[in-house]
Amino acid sequence: MSQPDSKQRDEQATFARFIQRLDSHNEWAGISSRPEPEPHLLCIHLTEGPIAFQLVSLTNPTIAEIQAAAPETLDHIIQNTFNKAYDTDALHIELLLHTDDRIDTPDDVIIPILTPLFGSMPHPFKRVWFMGEQTTCHLWQTDQVS
């Protein structure tokens, strides 16, 4: 497999920060970048096995309006992610929404805007996570047994 490019290295570093913040870094055996149409990362959990992760930065240029905490902007970002077709051999796909510590809107404003979206729209994710400036947390999980 080829060496990861800059974007893939950033995604891997974001995931490494995420598991470090959750103090779960010892629960993972590997992280590898994957090409589309797979989710961004294939991660090997020591007890759950392979889990695919799609990462969504809430700071890219097309969503800079989040600085104003516009619920419509977040809704659009989430719908685009939910509507994307993913292909993976992993047991399931999880979503990690992150701010890269480059957003003025506080975590406690973003989280209540994001959370209701996951139960109201169909999507392929078993779990949804958030990693903001101060907060790293589990936002949503499907009730379905896999």
Protein backbone atom coordinates (compact mmCIF):
# COMPACT_ATOMS: atom_id res chain seq x y z
CA MET A 1 0.00 0.00 0.00
CA SER A 2 1.25 3.50 -0.82
CA GLN A 3 2.28 6.07 1.75
CA PRO A 4 -0.55 8.28 3.05
CA ASP A 5 -0.84 11.74 1.54
CA SER A 6 -1.14 14.94 3.59
CA LYS A 7 -4.93 14.69 3.95
CA GLN A 8 -4.72 11.06 5.03
CA ARG A 9 -1.97 11.84 7.55
CA ASP A 10 -4.19 14.61 8.98
CA GLU A 11 -7.12 12.17 9.25
CA GLN A 12 -4.95 9.60 11.00
CA ALA A 13 -3.61 12.27 13.38
CA THR A 14 -7.18 13.43 14.12
CA PHE A 15 -8.21 9.86 14.96
CA ALA A 16 -5.11 9.44 17.15
CA ARG A 17 -6.08 12.63 19.08
CA PHE A 18 -9.64 11.34 19.39
CA ILE A 19 -8.67 8.01 20.94
CA GLN A 20 -6.08 9.74 23.15
CA ARG A 21 -8.75 12.14 24.48
CA LEU A 22 -11.04 9.19 25.22
CA ASP A 23 -8.11 7.41 26.87
CA SER A 24 -8.78 4.43 24.61
CA HIS A 25 -5.53 4.44 22.62
CA ASN A 26 -4.57 1.05 24.07
CA GLU A 27 -7.76 -0.49 22.62
CA TRP A 28 -6.71 -0.04 18.98
CA ALA A 29 -4.31 -2.25 17.02
CA GLY A 30 -4.12 -0.23 13.81
CA ILE A 31 -5.30 2.72 11.75
CA SER A 32 -5.12 2.82 7.96
CA SER A 33 -6.40 5.26 5.37
CA ARG A 34 -8.80 3.91 2.76
CA PRO A 35 -9.71 5.08 -0.76
CA GLU A 36 -13.23 6.16 -1.73
CA PRO A 37 -15.91 4.83 -1.71
CA GLU A 38 -14.72 3.47 1.64
CA PRO A 39 -14.91 5.63 4.75
CA HIS A 40 -11.70 7.58 5.47
CA LEU A 41 -10.18 5.15 7.97
CA LEU A 42 -10.21 1.46 8.74
CA CYS A 43 -9.37 0.99 12.41
CA ILE A 44 -8.80 -2.31 14.19
CA HIS A 45 -10.30 -2.41 17.69
CA LEU A 46 -8.82 -5.12 19.90
CA THR A 47 -12.19 -6.51 20.98
CA GLU A 48 -14.67 -5.28 18.34
CA GLY A 49 -12.49 -5.92 15.28
CA PRO A 50 -12.44 -3.75 12.14
CA ILE A 51 -14.44 -0.52 12.36
CA ALA A 52 -14.60 2.05 9.55
CA PHE A 53 -14.58 5.73 10.48
CA GLN A 54 -15.78 8.62 8.36
CA LEU A 55 -14.29 11.91 9.56
CA VAL A 56 -16.03 15.24 8.98
CA SER A 57 -14.26 18.47 9.79
CA LEU A 58 -16.61 21.23 10.81
CA THR A 59 -13.98 23.79 9.81
CA ASN A 60 -13.46 23.39 6.07
CA PRO A 61 -14.05 26.45 3.83
CA THR A 62 -17.48 25.38 2.58
CA ILE A 63 -18.82 25.34 6.12
CA ALA A 64 -17.16 28.40 7.58
CA GLU A 65 -20.64 29.78 8.27
CA ILE A 66 -20.78 27.54 11.33
CA GLN A 67 -18.95 30.39 13.06
CA ALA A 68 -22.42 31.92 13.28
CA ALA A 69 -23.82 28.62 14.64
CA ALA A 70 -26.30 28.37 11.79
CA PRO A 71 -28.33 25.17 12.27
CA GLU A 72 -29.11 25.10 8.54
CA THR A 73 -25.40 24.88 7.72
CA LEU A 74 -24.85 21.98 10.09
CA ASP A 75 -27.95 20.26 8.74
CA HIS A 76 -26.59 20.57 5.18
CA ILE A 77 -23.17 19.18 6.16
CA ILE A 78 -24.71 16.24 7.98
CA GLN A 79 -27.16 15.46 5.15
CA ASN A 80 -24.30 15.37 2.62
CA THR A 81 -22.40 12.93 4.84
CA PHE A 82 -25.51 10.79 5.44
CA ASN A 83 -26.37 10.59 1.74
CA LYS A 84 -22.92 9.45 0.64
CA ALA A 85 -22.61 5.79 -0.42
CA TYR A 86 -19.93 3.97 1.57
CA ASP A 87 -18.44 0.57 0.76
CA THR A 88 -16.52 -1.31 3.45
CA ASP A 89 -15.83 -4.79 4.73
CA ALA A 90 -15.67 -3.44 8.30
CA LEU A 91 -18.22 -4.60 10.86
CA HIS A 92 -19.80 -1.16 10.87
CA ILE A 93 -19.16 2.53 10.18
CA GLU A 94 -18.83 5.26 12.78
CA LEU A 95 -18.80 9.03 12.22
CA LEU A 96 -16.36 11.41 13.90
CA LEU A 97 -17.29 15.10 13.67
CA HIS A 98 -14.41 17.35 14.70
CA THR A 99 -13.57 21.05 14.85
CA ASP A 100 -9.75 20.90 14.81
CA ASP A 101 -9.79 23.59 17.53
CA ARG A 102 -10.32 26.21 14.77
CA ILE A 103 -13.89 27.28 15.38
CA ASP A 104 -15.22 30.14 17.49
CA THR A 105 -18.57 28.50 18.29
CA PRO A 106 -18.33 26.78 21.69
CA ASP A 107 -18.79 23.02 21.93
CA ASP A 108 -21.83 23.48 24.18
CA VAL A 109 -23.54 25.39 21.35
CA ILE A 110 -22.58 22.95 18.57
CA ILE A 111 -23.53 19.71 20.37
CA PRO A 112 -27.26 20.51 20.90
CA ILE A 113 -27.54 21.54 17.24
CA LEU A 114 -25.92 18.33 15.99
CA THR A 115 -27.44 15.70 18.28
CA PRO A 116 -31.10 15.78 17.10
CA LEU A 117 -30.06 15.29 13.47
CA PHE A 118 -28.93 11.68 13.93
CA GLY A 119 -32.25 10.23 14.96
CA SER A 120 -34.20 12.21 12.38
CA MET A 121 -32.46 11.13 9.15
CA PRO A 122 -31.47 7.73 7.78
CA HIS A 123 -27.71 7.11 7.65
CA PRO A 124 -25.19 4.24 7.69
CA PHE A 125 -23.50 5.06 11.01
CA LYS A 126 -23.70 2.85 14.09
CA ARG A 127 -22.19 5.52 16.36
CA VAL A 128 -21.57 9.25 16.04
CA TRP A 129 -18.82 11.04 17.95
CA PHE A 130 -17.87 14.69 18.45
CA MET A 131 -14.41 16.11 19.15
CA GLY A 132 -14.47 19.85 19.75
CA GLU A 133 -12.16 22.30 21.44
CA GLN A 134 -12.96 21.14 24.98
CA THR A 135 -15.36 18.23 24.59
CA THR A 136 -14.90 14.77 23.13
CA CYS A 137 -18.04 12.69 23.45
CA HIS A 138 -20.39 10.08 22.08
CA LEU A 139 -23.38 11.86 20.49
CA TRP A 140 -25.56 9.05 19.18
CA GLN A 141 -25.80 5.28 18.74
CA THR A 142 -28.24 3.13 16.85
CA ASP A 143 -30.66 1.04 18.87
CA GLN A 144 -30.34 -1.79 16.37
CA VAL A 145 -28.35 -4.84 17.40
CA SER A 146 -25.67 -5.70 14.85
